[in-house]
Structure formats: C-alpha cells, structure tokens
C-alpha cells in the first residue's frame, strides 16, 4: 500500500501458480517393403490430461519433417552462436 498524509492507494492481484511439468518428445522412424506397419503408443501412467498434445506426422523421407526442428532452432534463446555466447 502506498500512502501519504492525504491519500492512500492499494492494489491486490491474484495470480495462478501452476505446477511445472516437463514434456516428453519421441520419434520413430524406419523403412519397410511390407504393405503396412504397426506402431505401438504407450502413454505415461501419471500423464496430465490438460498438458501437451499428441501429433502424428508421416513423411516419405527422413527430411520430410524438419519444420519443427527448424522452428525450435529459430525461436530458442539458449543455443550458442559463433562466438560461443548465447544469442539473445
């Protein structure tokens, strides 16, 4: 609260505090000459239903899904530049 001899002022704000969670990322790849392939997905037993997502991307080559990796490199602020110091 801020005040002087004449005036007084106050502000109260409620902020939610959420538990920190780490997201797991996994990928599977391979080649086949068979007519089909089965891939098993196993979800963690302590999975939080309101956090994260499941996505499936199929590409004809390994290079087909570099979009996510390039987006990560372009937006991360912790990788080292040529001088060895983090980029900002």
Protein backbone atom coordinates (compact mmCIF):
# COMPACT_ATOMS: atom_id res chain seq x y z
CA UNK A 1 0.00 0.00 0.00
CA UNK A 2 1.24 3.47 -0.89
CA UNK A 3 0.16 6.46 1.14
CA UNK A 4 0.97 9.95 2.33
CA UNK A 5 -0.66 12.29 4.85
CA UNK A 6 -3.59 12.95 2.49
CA UNK A 7 -4.11 9.98 0.18
CA UNK A 8 -3.90 6.24 0.24
CA UNK A 9 -3.83 3.68 -2.57
CA UNK A 10 -3.65 -0.11 -2.80
CA UNK A 11 -3.81 -2.84 -5.39
CA UNK A 12 -4.42 -6.56 -4.96
CA UNK A 13 -3.89 -9.03 -7.79
CA UNK A 14 -4.39 -12.80 -7.74
CA UNK A 15 -2.05 -14.84 -9.94
CA UNK A 16 -2.43 -18.55 -10.56
CA UNK A 17 0.62 -20.69 -9.80
CA UNK A 18 0.79 -23.86 -11.85
CA UNK A 19 2.91 -26.91 -11.24
CA UNK A 20 5.90 -27.08 -13.57
CA UNK A 21 5.77 -30.01 -15.96
CA UNK A 22 8.25 -31.42 -18.43
CA UNK A 23 7.03 -32.62 -21.80
CA UNK A 24 8.30 -35.83 -23.36
CA UNK A 25 9.04 -35.86 -27.07
CA UNK A 26 9.54 -39.08 -29.00
CA UNK A 27 10.01 -40.05 -32.62
CA UNK A 28 10.01 -43.29 -34.52
CA UNK A 29 11.30 -43.92 -37.99
CA UNK A 30 12.12 -46.78 -40.30
CA UNK A 31 11.67 -48.26 -43.73
CA UNK A 32 9.62 -51.17 -44.94
CA UNK A 33 8.71 -53.04 -48.07
CA UNK A 34 5.65 -54.53 -46.36
CA UNK A 35 2.06 -53.48 -47.08
CA UNK A 36 1.65 -51.97 -43.60
CA UNK A 37 3.36 -51.18 -40.32
CA UNK A 38 2.02 -51.17 -36.75
CA UNK A 39 3.42 -48.72 -34.21
CA UNK A 40 2.58 -49.01 -30.51
CA UNK A 41 1.96 -45.87 -28.46
CA UNK A 42 2.33 -46.06 -24.69
CA UNK A 43 1.12 -43.17 -22.56
CA UNK A 44 2.72 -42.49 -19.16
CA UNK A 45 0.52 -43.54 -16.22
CA UNK A 46 0.97 -40.15 -14.49
CA UNK A 47 0.11 -38.16 -17.62
CA UNK A 48 -1.60 -34.80 -17.07
CA UNK A 49 -4.60 -34.60 -19.43
CA UNK A 50 -4.61 -30.78 -19.69
CA UNK A 51 -0.94 -30.51 -20.74
CA UNK A 52 0.72 -31.34 -24.05
CA UNK A 53 -0.57 -32.97 -27.19
CA UNK A 54 -0.20 -36.00 -29.40
CA UNK A 55 0.55 -35.46 -33.05
CA UNK A 56 1.43 -37.87 -35.81
CA UNK A 57 3.33 -36.81 -38.89
CA UNK A 58 4.03 -39.11 -41.82
CA UNK A 59 6.65 -38.20 -44.40
CA UNK A 60 8.07 -40.06 -47.38
CA UNK A 61 11.65 -39.28 -46.27
CA UNK A 62 13.54 -38.58 -43.06
CA UNK A 63 13.92 -34.96 -44.20
CA UNK A 64 10.17 -34.56 -44.53
CA UNK A 65 9.56 -33.19 -41.03
CA UNK A 66 12.37 -30.76 -40.30
CA UNK A 67 9.81 -27.98 -39.82
CA UNK A 68 9.60 -28.49 -36.04
CA UNK A 69 13.37 -28.70 -35.61
CA UNK A 70 13.96 -25.55 -37.65
CA UNK A 71 11.22 -23.68 -35.75
CA UNK A 72 12.88 -24.73 -32.46
CA UNK A 73 16.30 -23.53 -33.61
CA UNK A 74 14.86 -20.24 -34.84
CA UNK A 75 12.99 -19.49 -31.59
CA UNK A 76 15.28 -20.85 -28.87
CA UNK A 77 17.38 -18.34 -26.99
CA UNK A 78 19.88 -20.71 -25.43
CA UNK A 79 21.97 -22.11 -28.27
CA UNK A 80 25.49 -20.77 -28.77
CA UNK A 81 26.36 -18.56 -31.69
CA UNK A 82 29.74 -18.50 -33.45
CA UNK A 83 31.27 -16.53 -30.55
CA UNK A 84 30.25 -19.25 -28.08
CA UNK A 85 27.93 -16.93 -26.16
CA UNK A 86 24.13 -17.39 -26.06
CA UNK A 87 22.18 -15.44 -28.64
CA UNK A 88 19.54 -13.02 -27.39
